[in-house]
Each structure stands twice: as structure tokens, then as C-alpha cells.
């Protein structure tokens, strides 16, 4: 191997080393709970939603009472990143700092809502129900595509980012700590539309 070839090989090794370090630093502290069709074992089921691994995601579309996937661990300060697919008729959301994991609701947790057709439109998709409203008529729509939620809870500061846009930013100290859940909900007596979770990660702060 001549000097030029040796130099090229050395530069390639250095490049791979830095790339690997950057990837490691980016992932530092993050725990992946759902990755494609993997991860149902990281949650407890609440309700009768038909959660299953299908088509590269964790999916639910039926359940007379609706249901939740409740994280097995409790969290205080954290960032959640979740990739999900929802339609205009989906009723879902991410509940966090749940104080009673056997009875999940907006009265005992914060709810980052996914519900375009919510009767009280001020707390529809993009809102934190009962705490941070969105504009009416609603401007955040699901449209049967993939979306990303990022939820940051640090002390009393709660921030919700949907597809890179801050939709809620509020201070509230009602709930201090608890597990989080992924919801398949109903719209009154009518089942909610399909919800799919493709990637769900959490980083404790």
C-alpha cells in the first residue's frame, strides 16, 4: 500500500470514528420503548383496545371501551419523542405523569391530545387537555399521515411540539410524576379511528 492509499485509509477510519461517536452522543440517555413492531412488552395494557404488531408499527383500531398502553416505569422530568399515524377520525393521545395508572384520564394526568373532532375544539389535536388550548377553529390536522410529537416535562414547565411546531407551552404543577400512556380512544359510543405508533423514545432529564 503506497503512502497515498495509507493516508486515505487513515482518513476513512477517522471519519467512521467520529461518525460513531456522534451517533452515540445523539443517542445518549434515550431509551427506545417502541421500534417498529417491537415494544409491546414494555407496556401494561389497560382497557380492551386490540393492540398488535402490524405493518411496521404498534396498532389499535377496535375496543368497546378503548384502552391504553401504560409504561411500566414512572417518570418525573423527561422528553418523549413519538412517531405516530392518525387520521381525522382518530381519538388518541399521550397521557403523561399519570397519578393512577389503573384509571387514566385528563383529570389525573396531562394529555397531549390527538383528536381532530373533539367537541371542545380548544383542546383538540396539539393541546394539553384542560391546561393549554389551541386556536379555534383547529389548525393542526392529522390527515392520515405520519407525525411526530415531542413532549418535554421539566418541573412545572410543559412543552408540546407537533411536527416541529410548538403547540403548547405552559407552566402547571398539578401532576409531578408517573408513567405515561399511548391511547386508543372512543368518540362517545363510536370507536375512534386507527392509531399507529412507529417509534416511541424517552429521555429522563
Protein backbone atom coordinates (compact mmCIF):
# COMPACT_ATOMS: atom_id res chain seq x y z
CA UNK A 1 0.00 0.00 0.00
CA UNK A 2 1.53 3.31 -1.04
CA UNK A 3 1.60 6.46 1.09
CA UNK A 4 -1.50 7.95 -0.60
CA UNK A 5 -3.51 4.77 -0.05
CA UNK A 6 -2.42 4.63 3.60
CA UNK A 7 -3.47 8.26 4.11
CA UNK A 8 -6.88 7.62 2.51
CA UNK A 9 -7.41 4.58 4.73
CA UNK A 10 -6.45 6.58 7.83
CA UNK A 11 -8.86 9.38 6.95
CA UNK A 12 -11.62 6.84 6.39
CA UNK A 13 -11.00 5.30 9.82
CA UNK A 14 -11.09 8.76 11.47
CA UNK A 15 -14.33 9.61 9.67
CA UNK A 16 -16.01 6.42 10.84
CA UNK A 17 -14.75 7.03 14.39
CA UNK A 18 -16.27 10.50 14.56
CA UNK A 19 -19.48 9.32 12.95
CA UNK A 20 -19.79 6.57 15.53
CA UNK A 21 -19.10 8.97 18.40
CA UNK A 22 -21.66 11.46 17.10
CA UNK A 23 -24.27 8.74 16.81
CA UNK A 24 -23.52 7.56 20.34
CA UNK A 25 -23.73 11.10 21.73
CA UNK A 26 -27.02 11.69 19.92
CA UNK A 27 -28.48 8.53 21.46
CA UNK A 28 -27.05 9.15 24.93
CA UNK A 29 -29.74 8.83 27.58
CA UNK A 30 -32.52 7.84 25.20
CA UNK A 31 -34.48 4.65 25.79
CA UNK A 32 -36.50 3.24 22.89
CA UNK A 33 -39.77 1.66 24.05
CA UNK A 34 -41.36 1.12 20.63
CA UNK A 35 -39.34 0.49 17.49
CA UNK A 36 -41.48 -0.58 14.56
CA UNK A 37 -43.36 -3.71 15.59
CA UNK A 38 -41.25 -4.21 18.71
CA UNK A 39 -42.01 -2.97 22.21
CA UNK A 40 -45.43 -4.14 23.38
CA UNK A 41 -43.72 -5.92 26.27
CA UNK A 42 -42.60 -2.53 27.65
CA UNK A 43 -46.19 -1.55 28.50
CA UNK A 44 -49.09 -2.72 30.62
CA UNK A 45 -52.45 -2.86 28.85
CA UNK A 46 -55.45 -1.01 30.24
CA UNK A 47 -58.89 -1.41 28.62
CA UNK A 48 -59.88 -3.59 25.67
CA UNK A 49 -58.12 -1.97 22.71
CA UNK A 50 -56.80 -4.56 20.22
CA UNK A 51 -53.13 -3.55 20.33
CA UNK A 52 -50.97 -5.58 17.98
CA UNK A 53 -47.78 -5.50 15.91
CA UNK A 54 -48.68 -4.85 12.29
CA UNK A 55 -47.20 -3.19 9.22
CA UNK A 56 -44.08 -1.90 10.95
CA UNK A 57 -45.90 -0.33 13.91
CA UNK A 58 -47.93 -0.97 17.06
CA UNK A 59 -51.57 -0.56 16.03
CA UNK A 60 -55.07 -0.39 17.54
CA UNK A 61 -58.41 0.20 15.80
CA UNK A 62 -61.04 -1.59 17.89
CA UNK A 63 -62.19 -1.72 21.50
CA UNK A 64 -65.59 -1.10 23.06
CA UNK A 65 -64.04 0.79 25.98
CA UNK A 66 -60.86 1.97 24.31
CA UNK A 67 -57.58 1.48 26.04
CA UNK A 68 -54.03 2.48 26.86
CA UNK A 69 -50.53 1.13 26.70
CA UNK A 70 -49.14 2.28 30.07
CA UNK A 71 -45.37 2.44 30.59
CA UNK A 72 -44.09 0.10 33.27
CA UNK A 73 -41.81 2.79 34.66
CA UNK A 74 -42.70 6.09 36.33
CA UNK A 75 -41.06 9.33 35.16
CA UNK A 76 -40.67 12.83 36.60
CA UNK A 77 -38.72 15.08 34.23
CA UNK A 78 -38.25 13.85 30.66
CA UNK A 79 -38.54 14.27 26.92
CA UNK A 80 -40.78 11.90 24.94
CA UNK A 81 -40.43 11.60 21.17
CA UNK A 82 -43.17 9.64 19.44
CA UNK A 83 -43.84 8.95 15.77
CA UNK A 84 -47.50 8.15 15.12
CA UNK A 85 -50.02 7.77 12.32
CA UNK A 86 -53.51 9.17 12.79
CA UNK A 87 -56.50 10.09 10.67
CA UNK A 88 -59.09 12.81 11.07
CA UNK A 89 -61.35 10.37 12.97
CA UNK A 90 -58.64 9.06 15.31
CA UNK A 91 -59.05 9.71 19.02
CA UNK A 92 -55.78 9.22 20.77
CA UNK A 93 -53.13 10.99 22.75
CA UNK A 94 -50.16 10.64 25.05
CA UNK A 95 -51.00 10.87 28.75
CA UNK A 96 -48.04 11.66 31.00
CA UNK A 97 -47.31 11.96 34.72
CA UNK A 98 -50.28 9.68 35.34
CA UNK A 99 -51.10 9.56 39.06
CA UNK A 100 -53.29 6.43 38.83
CA UNK A 101 -52.15 4.00 36.08
CA UNK A 102 -55.28 1.87 36.54
CA UNK A 103 -57.59 4.78 35.73
CA UNK A 104 -56.03 7.01 33.11
CA UNK A 105 -57.75 10.29 32.25
CA UNK A 106 -57.21 14.01 31.76
CA UNK A 107 -58.18 14.59 35.39
CA UNK A 108 -55.24 12.61 36.79
CA UNK A 109 -52.61 13.20 34.10
CA UNK A 110 -51.57 15.60 31.38
CA UNK A 111 -52.92 14.67 27.95
CA UNK A 112 -51.14 15.66 24.75
CA UNK A 113 -54.20 15.27 22.57
CA UNK A 114 -54.67 13.65 19.15
CA UNK A 115 -58.34 14.26 18.37
CA UNK A 116 -59.26 16.50 15.43
CA UNK A 117 -63.01 16.18 16.03
CA UNK A 118 -63.07 16.81 19.77
CA UNK A 119 -66.36 18.54 20.73
CA UNK A 120 -64.43 21.10 22.75
CA UNK A 121 -62.17 22.16 19.88
CA UNK A 122 -59.96 24.35 22.06
CA UNK A 123 -58.43 21.14 23.44
CA UNK A 124 -58.21 19.23 20.16
CA UNK A 125 -55.04 17.98 18.46
CA UNK A 126 -51.97 19.85 19.70
CA UNK A 127 -53.45 20.86 23.05
CA UNK A 128 -52.72 19.71 26.58
CA UNK A 129 -56.28 18.98 27.69
CA UNK A 130 -57.56 21.31 30.44
CA UNK A 131 -54.25 23.18 30.56
CA UNK A 132 -53.10 24.56 27.17
CA UNK A 133 -55.51 25.41 24.37
CA UNK A 134 -55.04 25.53 20.60
CA UNK A 135 -56.62 28.03 18.17
CA UNK A 136 -60.27 27.57 17.16
CA UNK A 137 -61.14 26.56 14.51
CA UNK A 138 -58.38 23.93 14.86
CA UNK A 139 -55.33 24.35 12.65
CA UNK A 140 -53.50 21.10 13.46
CA UNK A 141 -54.86 18.22 11.37
CA UNK A 142 -53.85 14.57 11.17
CA UNK A 143 -54.90 13.77 7.55
CA UNK A 144 -53.87 10.10 7.61
CA UNK A 145 -50.11 10.67 7.64
CA UNK A 146 -47.17 10.14 9.97
CA UNK A 147 -46.49 12.80 12.59
CA UNK A 148 -44.08 13.40 15.46
CA UNK A 149 -44.84 14.60 18.96
CA UNK A 150 -42.11 15.81 21.30
CA UNK A 151 -43.19 16.34 24.89
CA UNK A 152 -40.90 18.00 27.42
CA UNK A 153 -41.83 18.00 31.10
CA UNK A 154 -39.31 19.64 33.41
CA UNK A 155 -40.58 20.75 36.76
CA UNK A 156 -43.76 22.74 36.17
CA UNK A 157 -42.81 23.63 32.57
CA UNK A 158 -44.65 21.60 29.92
CA UNK A 159 -43.93 21.97 26.21
CA UNK A 160 -45.57 20.14 23.33
CA UNK A 161 -44.13 20.19 19.79
CA UNK A 162 -46.07 18.69 16.87
CA UNK A 163 -44.12 18.19 13.64
CA UNK A 164 -41.61 20.83 14.69
CA UNK A 165 -44.22 23.42 15.74
CA UNK A 166 -44.72 24.41 19.37
CA UNK A 167 -48.45 23.93 20.00
CA UNK A 168 -48.46 24.18 23.81
CA UNK A 169 -46.12 25.81 26.31
CA UNK A 170 -47.44 26.21 29.81
CA UNK A 171 -46.48 26.11 33.47
CA UNK A 172 -48.57 23.79 35.61
CA UNK A 173 -47.75 21.80 38.72
CA UNK A 174 -50.86 19.65 39.08
CA UNK A 175 -49.07 16.36 38.36
CA UNK A 176 -45.48 15.75 39.43
CA UNK A 177 -44.60 12.22 38.40
CA UNK A 178 -45.97 8.98 36.97
CA UNK A 179 -45.96 6.64 33.97
CA UNK A 180 -47.10 7.72 30.51
CA UNK A 181 -49.55 6.02 28.18
CA UNK A 182 -50.44 5.74 24.49
CA UNK A 183 -54.19 5.86 23.92
CA UNK A 184 -56.71 4.28 21.61
CA UNK A 185 -59.93 6.13 22.41
CA UNK A 186 -63.59 6.20 21.53
CA UNK A 187 -65.70 9.12 20.38
CA UNK A 188 -68.71 8.73 22.63
CA UNK A 189 -70.24 5.38 21.66
CA UNK A 190 -68.40 5.37 18.35
CA UNK A 191 -64.93 3.76 18.13
CA UNK A 192 -62.06 6.08 17.37
CA UNK A 193 -60.16 5.68 14.13
CA UNK A 194 -56.93 3.72 13.83
CA UNK A 195 -53.81 4.84 15.69
CA UNK A 196 -50.30 3.58 14.91
CA UNK A 197 -47.11 4.11 16.91
CA UNK A 198 -43.89 3.56 14.96
CA UNK A 199 -41.21 4.95 17.29
CA UNK A 200 -41.51 5.94 20.94
CA UNK A 201 -38.45 7.10 22.89
CA UNK A 202 -37.95 8.72 26.27
CA UNK A 203 -35.03 10.53 27.87
CA UNK A 204 -35.03 11.36 31.56
CA UNK A 205 -33.78 14.85 32.47
